[in-house]
Amino acid sequence: MRIICAACLLAALLSPIQARAGGAAPPMVQSLCQTCHGVDGVAVVPGAANLSGQQKEYLREQLRAFRSGSRQNPQMSVIAKSLTDDDIEKLSEWYASVKVTVEMPK
C-alpha cells in the first residue's frame, strides 16, 4: 500500500497539467483523477484503467455505478461518492475528448 501511495504522489507531481487533446483539464481531473489515470487518460499506476478515448456514455455510466455502489473498487468507490452529476459529466466529456492513435502490430 505504501508503494501505491508513493507512486500516486510521484505521478501527481510529475503529470502534466494539460492533456494532449489541448486545453486545460477540469480542476477535478487535476486534483483527483491524474494521480492514477493521468491528465491525458493514460494510466500511471498499475491496475488503473486508461480513460482517454473512451466513449462519454461509458465513462458516465461507470462513474455513476461506482458512486451508487453497483460497481466496486477500493479507490474508485470512495472517490466517486463525492462526485456530483455535473462532476461526472465534465470528467466524462474531458476523457472522451482526448484523442487516441492506434497502431497495429507489424
C-alpha atoms as a PDB file:
ATOM      1  CA  MET A   1       0.000   0.000   0.000  1.00  0.00           C
ATOM      2  CA  ARG A   2       2.862   2.390   0.765  1.00  0.00           C
ATOM      3  CA  ILE A   3       4.317   1.734  -2.673  1.00  0.00           C
ATOM      4  CA  ILE A   4       0.989   2.587  -4.341  1.00  0.00           C
ATOM      5  CA  CYS A   5       0.659   5.795  -2.301  1.00  0.00           C
ATOM      6  CA  ALA A   6       4.227   6.787  -3.147  1.00  0.00           C
ATOM      7  CA  ALA A   7       3.604   6.034  -6.827  1.00  0.00           C
ATOM      8  CA  CYS A   8       0.414   8.123  -6.779  1.00  0.00           C
ATOM      9  CA  LEU A   9       2.201  11.041  -5.153  1.00  0.00           C
ATOM     10  CA  LEU A  10       5.076  10.846  -7.623  1.00  0.00           C
ATOM     11  CA  ALA A  11       2.671  10.640 -10.553  1.00  0.00           C
ATOM     12  CA  ALA A  12       0.750  13.665  -9.311  1.00  0.00           C
ATOM     13  CA  LEU A  13       3.933  15.675  -9.077  1.00  0.00           C
ATOM     14  CA  LEU A  14       5.223  14.649 -12.486  1.00  0.00           C
ATOM     15  CA  SER A  15       1.976  14.654 -14.504  1.00  0.00           C
ATOM     16  CA  PRO A  16       1.465  17.467 -16.996  1.00  0.00           C
ATOM     17  CA  ILE A  17      -1.317  19.953 -16.265  1.00  0.00           C
ATOM     18  CA  GLN A  18      -2.640  19.839 -19.813  1.00  0.00           C
ATOM     19  CA  ALA A  19      -3.706  16.818 -21.808  1.00  0.00           C
ATOM     20  CA  ARG A  20      -2.582  16.008 -25.304  1.00  0.00           C
ATOM     21  CA  ALA A  21      -6.064  16.913 -26.508  1.00  0.00           C
ATOM     22  CA  GLY A  22      -5.204  20.546 -25.760  1.00  0.00           C
ATOM     23  CA  GLY A  23      -6.673  22.972 -23.282  1.00  0.00           C
ATOM     24  CA  ALA A  24      -6.696  22.909 -19.534  1.00  0.00           C
ATOM     25  CA  ALA A  25      -8.142  19.894 -17.787  1.00  0.00           C
ATOM     26  CA  PRO A  26     -11.083  20.436 -15.437  1.00  0.00           C
ATOM     27  CA  PRO A  27      -9.958  21.070 -11.844  1.00  0.00           C
ATOM     28  CA  MET A  28     -11.353  17.678 -10.735  1.00  0.00           C
ATOM     29  CA  VAL A  29      -9.042  15.919 -13.200  1.00  0.00           C
ATOM     30  CA  GLN A  30      -6.053  17.884 -11.949  1.00  0.00           C
ATOM     31  CA  SER A  31      -6.857  17.313  -8.281  1.00  0.00           C
ATOM     32  CA  LEU A  32      -8.127  13.711  -8.193  1.00  0.00           C
ATOM     33  CA  CYS A  33      -8.002  11.751 -11.423  1.00  0.00           C
ATOM     34  CA  GLN A  34      -4.496  12.468 -12.691  1.00  0.00           C
ATOM     35  CA  THR A  35      -2.886  10.670  -9.765  1.00  0.00           C
ATOM     36  CA  CYS A  36      -3.899   7.276 -11.162  1.00  0.00           C
ATOM     37  CA  HIS A  37      -5.336   7.939 -14.638  1.00  0.00           C
ATOM     38  CA  GLY A  38      -3.132  10.828 -15.778  1.00  0.00           C
ATOM     39  CA  VAL A  39      -4.448  14.118 -17.107  1.00  0.00           C
ATOM     40  CA  ASP A  40      -4.342  12.605 -20.588  1.00  0.00           C
ATOM     41  CA  GLY A  41      -6.183   9.457 -19.505  1.00  0.00           C
ATOM     42  CA  VAL A  42      -3.187   7.152 -19.816  1.00  0.00           C
ATOM     43  CA  ALA A  43      -2.930   5.257 -16.538  1.00  0.00           C
ATOM     44  CA  VAL A  44       0.187   5.963 -14.498  1.00  0.00           C
ATOM     45  CA  VAL A  45      -0.492   3.396 -11.757  1.00  0.00           C
ATOM     46  CA  PRO A  46      -0.623  -0.378 -12.309  1.00  0.00           C
ATOM     47  CA  GLY A  47      -4.216  -1.613 -12.278  1.00  0.00           C
ATOM     48  CA  ALA A  48      -5.744   1.777 -13.143  1.00  0.00           C
ATOM     49  CA  ALA A  49      -7.774   1.991 -16.330  1.00  0.00           C
ATOM     50  CA  ASN A  50      -6.783   4.025 -19.377  1.00  0.00           C
ATOM     51  CA  LEU A  51      -9.606   6.529 -19.832  1.00  0.00           C
ATOM     52  CA  SER A  52      -8.569   8.501 -22.901  1.00  0.00           C
ATOM     53  CA  GLY A  53     -10.718   7.922 -25.936  1.00  0.00           C
ATOM     54  CA  GLN A  54     -13.431   6.022 -24.066  1.00  0.00           C
ATOM     55  CA  GLN A  55     -16.987   6.875 -25.035  1.00  0.00           C
ATOM     56  CA  LYS A  56     -18.522   9.604 -22.908  1.00  0.00           C
ATOM     57  CA  GLU A  57     -21.603   7.493 -22.183  1.00  0.00           C
ATOM     58  CA  TYR A  58     -19.488   4.570 -20.985  1.00  0.00           C
ATOM     59  CA  LEU A  59     -17.401   6.747 -18.664  1.00  0.00           C
ATOM     60  CA  ARG A  60     -20.505   8.439 -17.277  1.00  0.00           C
ATOM     61  CA  GLU A  61     -22.232   5.129 -16.536  1.00  0.00           C
ATOM     62  CA  GLN A  62     -19.152   3.632 -14.874  1.00  0.00           C
ATOM     63  CA  LEU A  63     -18.676   6.666 -12.612  1.00  0.00           C
ATOM     64  CA  ARG A  64     -22.356   6.516 -11.659  1.00  0.00           C
ATOM     65  CA  ALA A  65     -22.020   2.797 -10.921  1.00  0.00           C
ATOM     66  CA  PHE A  66     -19.023   3.423  -8.645  1.00  0.00           C
ATOM     67  CA  ARG A  67     -20.933   6.224  -6.916  1.00  0.00           C
ATOM     68  CA  SER A  68     -24.056   4.100  -6.347  1.00  0.00           C
ATOM     69  CA  GLY A  69     -22.065   1.077  -5.214  1.00  0.00           C
ATOM     70  CA  SER A  70     -23.286  -1.204  -8.023  1.00  0.00           C
ATOM     71  CA  ARG A  71     -19.658  -1.365  -9.214  1.00  0.00           C
ATOM     72  CA  GLN A  72     -16.965  -1.804  -6.585  1.00  0.00           C
ATOM     73  CA  ASN A  73     -13.302  -0.820  -6.463  1.00  0.00           C
ATOM     74  CA  PRO A  74     -11.387   0.125  -3.301  1.00  0.00           C
ATOM     75  CA  GLN A  75     -10.242   3.505  -4.633  1.00  0.00           C
ATOM     76  CA  MET A  76     -12.946   4.432  -7.130  1.00  0.00           C
ATOM     77  CA  SER A  77     -15.848   3.592  -4.822  1.00  0.00           C
ATOM     78  CA  VAL A  78     -14.576   6.126  -2.290  1.00  0.00           C
ATOM     79  CA  ILE A  79     -13.700   8.819  -4.841  1.00  0.00           C
ATOM     80  CA  ALA A  80     -16.919   8.526  -6.853  1.00  0.00           C
ATOM     81  CA  LYS A  81     -19.149   9.004  -3.790  1.00  0.00           C
ATOM     82  CA  SER A  82     -18.063  12.650  -3.665  1.00  0.00           C
ATOM     83  CA  LEU A  83     -18.809  13.333  -7.352  1.00  0.00           C
ATOM     84  CA  THR A  84     -21.864  15.329  -8.376  1.00  0.00           C
ATOM     85  CA  ASP A  85     -23.744  14.702 -11.612  1.00  0.00           C
ATOM     86  CA  ASP A  86     -22.027  17.798 -13.025  1.00  0.00           C
ATOM     87  CA  ASP A  87     -18.589  16.466 -11.995  1.00  0.00           C
ATOM     88  CA  ILE A  88     -19.322  13.155 -13.695  1.00  0.00           C
ATOM     89  CA  GLU A  89     -20.459  14.929 -16.854  1.00  0.00           C
ATOM     90  CA  LYS A  90     -17.321  17.098 -17.004  1.00  0.00           C
ATOM     91  CA  LEU A  91     -14.971  14.182 -16.307  1.00  0.00           C
ATOM     92  CA  SER A  92     -16.669  12.029 -18.940  1.00  0.00           C
ATOM     93  CA  GLU A  93     -16.504  14.809 -21.519  1.00  0.00           C
ATOM     94  CA  TRP A  94     -12.831  15.509 -20.785  1.00  0.00           C
ATOM     95  CA  TYR A  95     -11.537  11.962 -21.077  1.00  0.00           C
ATOM     96  CA  ALA A  96     -13.769  11.193 -24.084  1.00  0.00           C
ATOM     97  CA  SER A  97     -12.318  14.252 -25.849  1.00  0.00           C
ATOM     98  CA  VAL A  98      -8.723  13.020 -25.593  1.00  0.00           C
ATOM     99  CA  LYS A  99      -7.847  11.531 -28.971  1.00  0.00           C
ATOM    100  CA  VAL A 100      -6.113   8.163 -29.131  1.00  0.00           C
ATOM    101  CA  THR A 101      -3.956   6.944 -32.007  1.00  0.00           C
ATOM    102  CA  VAL A 102      -3.889   3.207 -32.597  1.00  0.00           C
ATOM    103  CA  GLU A 103      -1.013   1.426 -34.291  1.00  0.00           C
ATOM    104  CA  MET A 104      -1.471  -2.158 -35.392  1.00  0.00           C
ATOM    105  CA  PRO A 105       1.373  -4.601 -34.699  1.00  0.00           C
ATOM    106  CA  LYS A 106       3.666  -5.346 -37.610  1.00  0.00           C
END
